[in-house]
N, C-alpha and C. Protein backbone atom coordinates (compact mmCIF):
# COMPACT_ATOMS: atom_id res chain seq x y z
N MET A 1 16.11 39.14 -106.47
CA MET A 1 14.73 39.47 -106.21
C MET A 1 14.48 40.96 -106.21
N LEU A 2 15.46 41.71 -105.72
CA LEU A 2 15.28 43.15 -105.65
C LEU A 2 15.80 43.84 -106.90
N GLY A 3 16.09 43.08 -107.96
CA GLY A 3 16.42 43.67 -109.23
C GLY A 3 17.90 43.86 -109.54
N ARG A 4 18.80 43.10 -108.92
CA ARG A 4 20.22 43.23 -109.20
C ARG A 4 20.85 41.85 -109.32
N ALA A 5 22.10 41.84 -109.81
CA ALA A 5 22.84 40.58 -109.89
C ALA A 5 23.07 40.04 -108.48
N ARG A 6 23.29 38.76 -108.37
CA ARG A 6 23.37 38.08 -107.07
C ARG A 6 24.42 38.69 -106.15
N ASP A 7 25.62 38.99 -106.63
CA ASP A 7 26.69 39.47 -105.77
C ASP A 7 26.86 40.98 -105.79
N THR A 8 25.97 41.70 -106.46
CA THR A 8 26.06 43.14 -106.50
C THR A 8 25.34 43.72 -105.29
N PRO A 9 26.06 44.45 -104.43
CA PRO A 9 25.39 45.02 -103.26
C PRO A 9 24.32 46.04 -103.66
N ILE A 10 23.20 45.97 -102.99
CA ILE A 10 22.14 46.96 -103.16
C ILE A 10 22.53 48.22 -102.39
N TYR A 11 23.10 48.01 -101.22
CA TYR A 11 23.53 49.11 -100.36
C TYR A 11 24.64 48.58 -99.46
N THR A 12 25.55 49.46 -99.06
CA THR A 12 26.62 49.08 -98.14
C THR A 12 26.63 50.04 -96.97
N PHE A 13 26.58 49.48 -95.77
CA PHE A 13 26.74 50.26 -94.55
C PHE A 13 28.22 50.22 -94.18
N ARG A 14 28.83 51.40 -94.11
CA ARG A 14 30.27 51.47 -93.82
C ARG A 14 30.50 52.75 -93.03
N GLN A 15 31.42 52.69 -92.09
CA GLN A 15 31.72 53.89 -91.33
C GLN A 15 33.20 54.25 -91.42
N HIS A 16 33.49 55.49 -91.23
CA HIS A 16 34.85 56.01 -91.09
C HIS A 16 35.79 55.72 -92.25
N SER A 17 35.32 55.76 -93.48
CA SER A 17 36.21 55.57 -94.62
C SER A 17 37.24 56.68 -94.72
N TRP A 18 36.89 57.86 -94.27
CA TRP A 18 37.81 58.99 -94.37
C TRP A 18 39.07 58.75 -93.54
N ILE A 19 38.97 58.03 -92.43
CA ILE A 19 40.15 57.74 -91.60
C ILE A 19 41.11 56.84 -92.37
N ILE A 20 40.59 55.82 -93.03
CA ILE A 20 41.43 54.90 -93.79
C ILE A 20 42.10 55.64 -94.95
N ARG A 21 41.34 56.47 -95.64
CA ARG A 21 41.91 57.22 -96.77
C ARG A 21 42.98 58.20 -96.29
N LEU A 22 42.76 58.83 -95.15
CA LEU A 22 43.75 59.74 -94.59
C LEU A 22 45.02 58.98 -94.19
N LEU A 23 44.86 57.81 -93.60
CA LEU A 23 46.00 56.98 -93.22
C LEU A 23 46.79 56.55 -94.46
N ALA A 24 46.11 56.15 -95.51
CA ALA A 24 46.79 55.76 -96.75
C ALA A 24 47.53 56.95 -97.35
N LEU A 25 46.92 58.12 -97.35
CA LEU A 25 47.58 59.31 -97.88
C LEU A 25 48.80 59.67 -97.04
N GLY A 26 48.65 59.61 -95.72
CA GLY A 26 49.78 59.92 -94.84
C GLY A 26 50.95 58.97 -95.04
N THR A 27 50.67 57.69 -95.22
CA THR A 27 51.72 56.70 -95.47
C THR A 27 52.43 56.99 -96.78
N THR A 28 51.67 57.32 -97.80
CA THR A 28 52.26 57.63 -99.11
C THR A 28 53.13 58.89 -99.03
N ILE A 29 52.65 59.92 -98.36
CA ILE A 29 53.43 61.16 -98.23
C ILE A 29 54.70 60.92 -97.43
N THR A 30 54.61 60.15 -96.36
CA THR A 30 55.79 59.85 -95.55
C THR A 30 56.83 59.09 -96.37
N LEU A 31 56.38 58.12 -97.15
CA LEU A 31 57.30 57.36 -98.00
C LEU A 31 57.93 58.27 -99.05
N ALA A 32 57.13 59.13 -99.66
CA ALA A 32 57.66 60.04 -100.68
C ALA A 32 58.69 60.99 -100.08
N GLN A 33 58.43 61.51 -98.89
CA GLN A 33 59.40 62.39 -98.23
C GLN A 33 60.69 61.66 -97.91
N ALA A 34 60.57 60.43 -97.44
CA ALA A 34 61.78 59.66 -97.11
C ALA A 34 62.62 59.40 -98.35
N VAL A 35 61.97 59.11 -99.48
CA VAL A 35 62.71 58.85 -100.72
C VAL A 35 63.33 60.14 -101.24
N LEU A 36 62.57 61.23 -101.22
CA LEU A 36 63.07 62.48 -101.76
C LEU A 36 64.17 63.12 -100.91
N LYS A 37 64.13 62.91 -99.60
CA LYS A 37 65.14 63.50 -98.72
C LYS A 37 66.41 62.65 -98.60
N SER A 38 66.37 61.43 -99.08
CA SER A 38 67.54 60.58 -98.95
C SER A 38 68.64 61.08 -99.88
N PRO A 39 69.88 61.06 -99.40
CA PRO A 39 70.98 61.51 -100.26
C PRO A 39 71.19 60.53 -101.40
N THR A 40 71.29 61.05 -102.59
CA THR A 40 71.48 60.18 -103.75
C THR A 40 72.95 59.80 -103.87
N GLY A 41 73.18 58.60 -104.23
CA GLY A 41 74.55 58.14 -104.44
C GLY A 41 75.24 57.62 -103.20
N SER A 42 74.67 57.85 -102.02
CA SER A 42 75.34 57.39 -100.80
C SER A 42 74.94 55.97 -100.42
N SER A 43 73.92 55.43 -101.03
CA SER A 43 73.49 54.08 -100.71
C SER A 43 74.30 53.07 -101.51
N ARG A 44 74.67 52.00 -100.85
CA ARG A 44 75.41 50.94 -101.52
C ARG A 44 74.47 49.80 -101.95
N ALA A 45 73.19 50.00 -101.71
CA ALA A 45 72.22 48.98 -102.09
C ALA A 45 72.00 49.04 -103.60
N PRO A 46 71.75 47.89 -104.21
CA PRO A 46 71.48 47.90 -105.66
C PRO A 46 70.16 48.62 -105.94
N TRP A 47 70.04 49.16 -107.15
CA TRP A 47 68.87 49.95 -107.53
C TRP A 47 67.59 49.14 -107.43
N TRP A 48 67.65 47.84 -107.74
CA TRP A 48 66.45 47.02 -107.73
C TRP A 48 65.93 46.82 -106.30
N LEU A 49 66.87 46.81 -105.33
CA LEU A 49 66.43 46.67 -103.93
C LEU A 49 65.71 47.94 -103.47
N ILE A 50 66.22 49.08 -103.88
CA ILE A 50 65.58 50.35 -103.53
C ILE A 50 64.20 50.42 -104.19
N ALA A 51 64.10 50.04 -105.46
CA ALA A 51 62.81 50.04 -106.16
C ALA A 51 61.82 49.08 -105.49
N PHE A 52 62.33 47.91 -105.08
CA PHE A 52 61.48 46.93 -104.39
C PHE A 52 60.96 47.50 -103.07
N LEU A 53 61.80 48.15 -102.30
CA LEU A 53 61.38 48.72 -101.02
C LEU A 53 60.36 49.85 -101.21
N ILE A 54 60.54 50.64 -102.26
CA ILE A 54 59.56 51.69 -102.56
C ILE A 54 58.22 51.06 -102.93
N ALA A 55 58.25 50.05 -103.78
CA ALA A 55 57.02 49.37 -104.17
C ALA A 55 56.35 48.71 -102.96
N LEU A 56 57.15 48.13 -102.09
CA LEU A 56 56.61 47.52 -100.87
C LEU A 56 55.96 48.58 -99.99
N GLY A 57 56.62 49.72 -99.88
CA GLY A 57 56.05 50.81 -99.09
C GLY A 57 54.75 51.33 -99.66
N LEU A 58 54.63 51.36 -100.97
CA LEU A 58 53.39 51.82 -101.60
C LEU A 58 52.29 50.77 -101.54
N SER A 59 52.65 49.51 -101.34
CA SER A 59 51.63 48.47 -101.27
C SER A 59 50.80 48.57 -99.99
N ILE A 60 51.38 49.15 -98.95
CA ILE A 60 50.63 49.29 -97.69
C ILE A 60 49.42 50.20 -97.86
N PRO A 61 49.59 51.43 -98.36
CA PRO A 61 48.38 52.25 -98.54
C PRO A 61 47.43 51.68 -99.58
N LEU A 62 47.95 51.01 -100.60
CA LEU A 62 47.08 50.40 -101.59
C LEU A 62 46.24 49.29 -100.96
N ALA A 63 46.87 48.47 -100.13
CA ALA A 63 46.13 47.40 -99.43
C ALA A 63 45.07 47.99 -98.51
N LEU A 64 45.39 49.09 -97.83
CA LEU A 64 44.40 49.75 -96.98
C LEU A 64 43.19 50.22 -97.78
N LEU A 65 43.44 50.80 -98.93
CA LEU A 65 42.34 51.30 -99.76
C LEU A 65 41.48 50.17 -100.32
N VAL A 66 42.11 49.06 -100.71
CA VAL A 66 41.36 47.91 -101.22
C VAL A 66 40.50 47.32 -100.09
N TRP A 67 41.09 47.18 -98.90
CA TRP A 67 40.34 46.65 -97.76
C TRP A 67 39.18 47.57 -97.41
N ASP A 68 39.42 48.89 -97.42
CA ASP A 68 38.37 49.84 -97.10
C ASP A 68 37.21 49.73 -98.08
N ARG A 69 37.51 49.48 -99.32
CA ARG A 69 36.47 49.35 -100.35
C ARG A 69 35.62 48.09 -100.12
N GLN A 70 36.23 47.03 -99.59
CA GLN A 70 35.52 45.76 -99.41
C GLN A 70 34.75 45.67 -98.10
N ARG A 71 35.20 46.37 -97.07
CA ARG A 71 34.60 46.18 -95.75
C ARG A 71 33.22 46.82 -95.67
N GLY A 72 32.45 46.41 -94.67
CA GLY A 72 31.12 46.98 -94.46
C GLY A 72 30.08 45.88 -94.37
N VAL A 73 28.84 46.29 -94.26
CA VAL A 73 27.72 45.36 -94.28
C VAL A 73 27.03 45.57 -95.62
N HIS A 74 27.14 44.57 -96.50
CA HIS A 74 26.61 44.66 -97.86
C HIS A 74 25.24 44.00 -97.90
N VAL A 75 24.25 44.76 -98.34
CA VAL A 75 22.90 44.23 -98.52
C VAL A 75 22.83 43.66 -99.93
N LEU A 76 22.54 42.37 -100.03
CA LEU A 76 22.45 41.68 -101.31
C LEU A 76 21.01 41.19 -101.52
N ASP A 77 20.73 40.72 -102.71
CA ASP A 77 19.39 40.20 -103.00
C ASP A 77 19.02 39.01 -102.12
N ASP A 78 20.00 38.17 -101.83
CA ASP A 78 19.69 36.94 -101.10
C ASP A 78 20.14 36.95 -99.65
N GLY A 79 20.63 38.09 -99.13
CA GLY A 79 21.04 38.17 -97.74
C GLY A 79 21.95 39.35 -97.49
N ILE A 80 22.71 39.26 -96.41
CA ILE A 80 23.68 40.31 -96.10
C ILE A 80 25.05 39.67 -95.94
N ARG A 81 26.08 40.43 -96.26
CA ARG A 81 27.45 39.99 -96.06
C ARG A 81 28.14 41.04 -95.21
N SER A 82 28.64 40.60 -94.05
CA SER A 82 29.37 41.48 -93.15
C SER A 82 30.86 41.21 -93.34
N VAL A 83 31.58 42.22 -93.82
CA VAL A 83 33.02 42.09 -94.09
C VAL A 83 33.76 42.98 -93.11
N GLY A 84 34.58 42.37 -92.29
CA GLY A 84 35.35 43.12 -91.30
C GLY A 84 36.84 42.88 -91.46
N ALA A 85 37.58 43.29 -90.45
CA ALA A 85 39.03 43.19 -90.49
C ALA A 85 39.50 41.74 -90.47
N ASN A 86 38.77 40.87 -89.83
CA ASN A 86 39.22 39.50 -89.69
C ASN A 86 38.29 38.46 -90.32
N GLY A 87 37.55 38.86 -91.32
CA GLY A 87 36.75 37.86 -92.01
C GLY A 87 35.49 38.41 -92.62
N SER A 88 34.76 37.50 -93.25
CA SER A 88 33.52 37.84 -93.93
C SER A 88 32.49 36.78 -93.55
N ARG A 89 31.26 37.23 -93.36
CA ARG A 89 30.19 36.30 -93.01
C ARG A 89 28.95 36.64 -93.82
N PHE A 90 28.38 35.61 -94.45
CA PHE A 90 27.14 35.77 -95.21
C PHE A 90 25.99 35.17 -94.43
N ILE A 91 24.89 35.90 -94.35
CA ILE A 91 23.68 35.40 -93.69
C ILE A 91 22.52 35.59 -94.66
N PRO A 92 21.89 34.50 -95.09
CA PRO A 92 20.74 34.62 -96.01
C PRO A 92 19.55 35.28 -95.31
N TRP A 93 18.74 35.97 -96.09
CA TRP A 93 17.55 36.61 -95.53
C TRP A 93 16.65 35.59 -94.83
N SER A 94 16.60 34.38 -95.36
CA SER A 94 15.72 33.36 -94.78
C SER A 94 16.12 32.96 -93.37
N GLU A 95 17.37 33.23 -92.97
CA GLU A 95 17.83 32.90 -91.61
C GLU A 95 17.70 34.07 -90.64
N ILE A 96 17.32 35.25 -91.15
CA ILE A 96 17.28 36.44 -90.30
C ILE A 96 15.85 36.69 -89.85
N ALA A 97 15.65 36.73 -88.53
CA ALA A 97 14.33 37.03 -87.97
C ALA A 97 14.14 38.54 -87.82
N ALA A 98 15.21 39.24 -87.46
CA ALA A 98 15.15 40.70 -87.27
C ALA A 98 16.56 41.23 -87.06
N PHE A 99 16.66 42.54 -86.98
CA PHE A 99 17.91 43.20 -86.62
C PHE A 99 17.67 43.96 -85.32
N GLU A 100 18.59 43.83 -84.37
CA GLU A 100 18.46 44.49 -83.07
C GLU A 100 19.78 45.16 -82.70
N ILE A 101 19.71 46.03 -81.69
CA ILE A 101 20.91 46.69 -81.18
C ILE A 101 21.38 45.94 -79.95
N ASP A 102 22.67 45.63 -79.92
CA ASP A 102 23.27 44.90 -78.80
C ASP A 102 24.53 45.63 -78.34
N GLY A 103 25.00 45.22 -77.16
CA GLY A 103 26.31 45.67 -76.72
C GLY A 103 27.36 44.92 -77.52
N TYR A 104 28.50 45.54 -77.71
CA TYR A 104 29.55 44.93 -78.52
C TYR A 104 30.83 44.93 -77.69
N VAL A 105 31.89 45.43 -78.22
CA VAL A 105 33.11 45.58 -77.46
C VAL A 105 32.80 46.57 -76.34
N VAL A 106 33.47 46.43 -75.22
CA VAL A 106 33.18 47.26 -74.06
C VAL A 106 33.00 48.73 -74.45
N GLY A 107 31.85 49.26 -74.12
CA GLY A 107 31.58 50.67 -74.38
C GLY A 107 31.07 50.99 -75.76
N SER A 108 30.62 50.01 -76.52
CA SER A 108 30.07 50.32 -77.84
C SER A 108 28.80 49.51 -78.08
N VAL A 109 28.02 49.97 -79.05
CA VAL A 109 26.80 49.27 -79.44
C VAL A 109 26.90 48.92 -80.92
N VAL A 110 26.18 47.87 -81.31
CA VAL A 110 26.27 47.37 -82.67
C VAL A 110 24.92 46.82 -83.10
N VAL A 111 24.68 46.80 -84.40
CA VAL A 111 23.50 46.15 -84.94
C VAL A 111 23.82 44.66 -85.07
N SER A 112 22.92 43.82 -84.60
CA SER A 112 23.08 42.37 -84.71
C SER A 112 21.94 41.79 -85.54
N ALA A 113 22.29 40.80 -86.34
CA ALA A 113 21.27 40.03 -87.04
C ALA A 113 20.82 38.93 -86.09
N VAL A 114 19.52 38.85 -85.84
CA VAL A 114 18.97 37.83 -84.96
C VAL A 114 18.44 36.71 -85.83
N ARG A 115 18.98 35.51 -85.62
CA ARG A 115 18.51 34.35 -86.38
C ARG A 115 17.24 33.79 -85.75
N HIS A 116 16.57 32.94 -86.46
CA HIS A 116 15.31 32.37 -85.99
C HIS A 116 15.49 31.53 -84.72
N ASP A 117 16.70 30.98 -84.51
CA ASP A 117 16.94 30.20 -83.29
C ASP A 117 17.33 31.08 -82.11
N GLY A 118 17.35 32.41 -82.31
CA GLY A 118 17.64 33.34 -81.22
C GLY A 118 19.09 33.79 -81.11
N THR A 119 19.98 33.21 -81.88
CA THR A 119 21.38 33.62 -81.82
C THR A 119 21.55 34.99 -82.48
N HIS A 120 22.46 35.77 -81.93
CA HIS A 120 22.75 37.11 -82.43
C HIS A 120 24.10 37.10 -83.14
N VAL A 121 24.15 37.68 -84.32
CA VAL A 121 25.39 37.80 -85.08
C VAL A 121 25.69 39.29 -85.21
N ALA A 122 26.76 39.74 -84.54
CA ALA A 122 27.11 41.16 -84.58
C ALA A 122 27.64 41.54 -85.96
N LEU A 123 27.16 42.65 -86.48
CA LEU A 123 27.61 43.18 -87.77
C LEU A 123 28.63 44.27 -87.45
N GLY A 124 29.89 43.88 -87.37
CA GLY A 124 30.96 44.69 -86.82
C GLY A 124 31.10 46.10 -87.35
N ASP A 125 30.88 46.32 -88.62
CA ASP A 125 31.11 47.66 -89.16
C ASP A 125 29.95 48.60 -88.85
N THR A 126 29.00 48.16 -88.06
CA THR A 126 27.91 49.04 -87.64
C THR A 126 28.13 49.52 -86.20
N SER A 127 29.24 49.16 -85.59
CA SER A 127 29.46 49.52 -84.19
C SER A 127 29.76 51.00 -84.04
N ARG A 128 29.26 51.57 -82.94
CA ARG A 128 29.46 52.98 -82.63
C ARG A 128 29.58 53.13 -81.11
N TRP A 129 29.99 54.31 -80.70
CA TRP A 129 30.00 54.64 -79.28
C TRP A 129 28.56 54.86 -78.83
N PRO A 130 28.29 54.70 -77.53
CA PRO A 130 26.90 54.87 -77.06
C PRO A 130 26.28 56.23 -77.38
N PHE A 131 27.09 57.30 -77.42
CA PHE A 131 26.51 58.61 -77.75
C PHE A 131 26.11 58.71 -79.22
N GLN A 132 26.50 57.71 -80.03
CA GLN A 132 26.10 57.67 -81.44
C GLN A 132 24.98 56.66 -81.67
N ARG A 133 24.24 56.36 -80.64
CA ARG A 133 23.20 55.34 -80.72
C ARG A 133 22.17 55.65 -81.79
N LYS A 134 21.89 56.91 -82.03
CA LYS A 134 20.90 57.29 -83.05
C LYS A 134 21.32 56.76 -84.42
N ALA A 135 22.61 56.83 -84.75
CA ALA A 135 23.10 56.31 -86.03
C ALA A 135 22.94 54.80 -86.09
N VAL A 136 23.17 54.12 -84.97
CA VAL A 136 22.99 52.66 -84.92
C VAL A 136 21.52 52.31 -85.10
N GLU A 137 20.64 53.09 -84.49
CA GLU A 137 19.21 52.85 -84.64
C GLU A 137 18.77 53.04 -86.10
N GLN A 138 19.31 54.05 -86.76
CA GLN A 138 18.97 54.28 -88.18
C GLN A 138 19.43 53.10 -89.04
N THR A 139 20.64 52.61 -88.77
CA THR A 139 21.15 51.46 -89.51
C THR A 139 20.26 50.24 -89.28
N ARG A 140 19.89 49.99 -88.02
CA ARG A 140 19.00 48.87 -87.70
C ARG A 140 17.68 49.00 -88.44
N ASP A 141 17.11 50.19 -88.43
CA ASP A 141 15.82 50.40 -89.11
C ASP A 141 15.94 50.18 -90.61
N GLN A 142 17.03 50.65 -91.21
CA GLN A 142 17.22 50.45 -92.65
C GLN A 142 17.37 48.98 -92.98
N LEU A 143 18.14 48.24 -92.17
CA LEU A 143 18.30 46.81 -92.42
C LEU A 143 16.97 46.07 -92.25
N ASN A 144 16.19 46.44 -91.26
CA ASN A 144 14.87 45.82 -91.10
C ASN A 144 13.96 46.14 -92.28
N GLU A 145 14.11 47.34 -92.85
CA GLU A 145 13.33 47.70 -94.04
C GLU A 145 13.73 46.84 -95.24
N TYR A 146 15.04 46.62 -95.43
CA TYR A 146 15.48 45.74 -96.52
C TYR A 146 14.96 44.32 -96.30
N ARG A 147 14.92 43.86 -95.06
CA ARG A 147 14.38 42.52 -94.78
C ARG A 147 12.89 42.46 -95.15
N LYS A 148 12.14 43.51 -94.81
CA LYS A 148 10.71 43.55 -95.17
C LYS A 148 10.52 43.52 -96.68
N ARG A 149 11.37 44.24 -97.41
CA ARG A 149 11.29 44.22 -98.88
C ARG A 149 11.54 42.81 -99.40
N TRP A 150 12.51 42.11 -98.80
CA TRP A 150 12.80 40.74 -99.24
C TRP A 150 11.59 39.85 -98.97
N LEU A 151 10.98 39.99 -97.79
CA LEU A 151 9.81 39.18 -97.46
C LEU A 151 8.67 39.46 -98.44
N THR A 152 8.48 40.74 -98.80
CA THR A 152 7.43 41.10 -99.75
C THR A 152 7.73 40.50 -101.12
N ALA A 153 8.97 40.61 -101.57
CA ALA A 153 9.36 40.06 -102.87
C ALA A 153 9.22 38.54 -102.88
N ARG A 154 9.59 37.90 -101.78
CA ARG A 154 9.47 36.44 -101.70
C ARG A 154 8.00 36.03 -101.72
N GLY A 155 7.14 36.80 -101.03
CA GLY A 155 5.71 36.51 -101.05
C GLY A 155 5.14 36.63 -102.45
N SER A 156 5.58 37.63 -103.20
CA SER A 156 5.12 37.80 -104.59
C SER A 156 5.59 36.64 -105.45
N ALA A 157 6.83 36.20 -105.26
CA ALA A 157 7.35 35.08 -106.04
C ALA A 157 6.61 33.79 -105.70
N ASP A 158 6.28 33.60 -104.42
CA ASP A 158 5.52 32.41 -104.02
C ASP A 158 4.13 32.42 -104.64
N ARG A 159 3.49 33.58 -104.65
CA ARG A 159 2.16 33.68 -105.26
C ARG A 159 2.22 33.42 -106.75
N ASP A 160 3.26 33.95 -107.44
CA ASP A 160 3.41 33.73 -108.87
C ASP A 160 3.63 32.25 -109.17
N ALA A 161 4.43 31.58 -108.31
CA ALA A 161 4.69 30.15 -108.50
C ALA A 161 3.40 29.33 -108.35
N LYS A 162 2.57 29.72 -107.39
CA LYS A 162 1.30 29.00 -107.17
C LYS A 162 0.35 29.22 -108.34
N LEU A 163 0.34 30.43 -108.88
CA LEU A 163 -0.55 30.73 -110.00
C LEU A 163 -0.13 29.99 -111.27
N SER A 164 1.19 29.78 -111.45
CA SER A 164 1.65 29.12 -112.68
C SER A 164 1.48 27.61 -112.64
N THR A 165 1.20 27.04 -111.46
CA THR A 165 1.02 25.59 -111.38
C THR A 165 -0.43 25.19 -111.53
């Protein structure tokens, strides 16, 4: 409705990507130092085992970077998808009444999607410390704006459908 393919995010809310990238870089540098500082010829392990362990060590930062790319709150044409460390949840626009700020894990605030039945669904990657409440409020306002755009687009589509019949 908003002019993109169904699964293509219009916008993604994500925080602290620099920490993940720094962690991946640090892991890679640590592995490289360990390999370069190891005495050559003193290991009795076969070459393929050493190559396997190096590849395994490099898979950790690669997995972190892939996960970092996928996580966040993705705004889609037909709803939002919240991707966190332990799962993904899709909520269609038609089920969302509004977005509000709620308490989350002890000492933090988060944007929640409020369903029409009153249940709140926390959007984990929007959580911040209370002193960062302004950023949470901006995220809430932006999500509410995307919801209004969806309602406007849906109203236009409903009017077009009525006119064509």
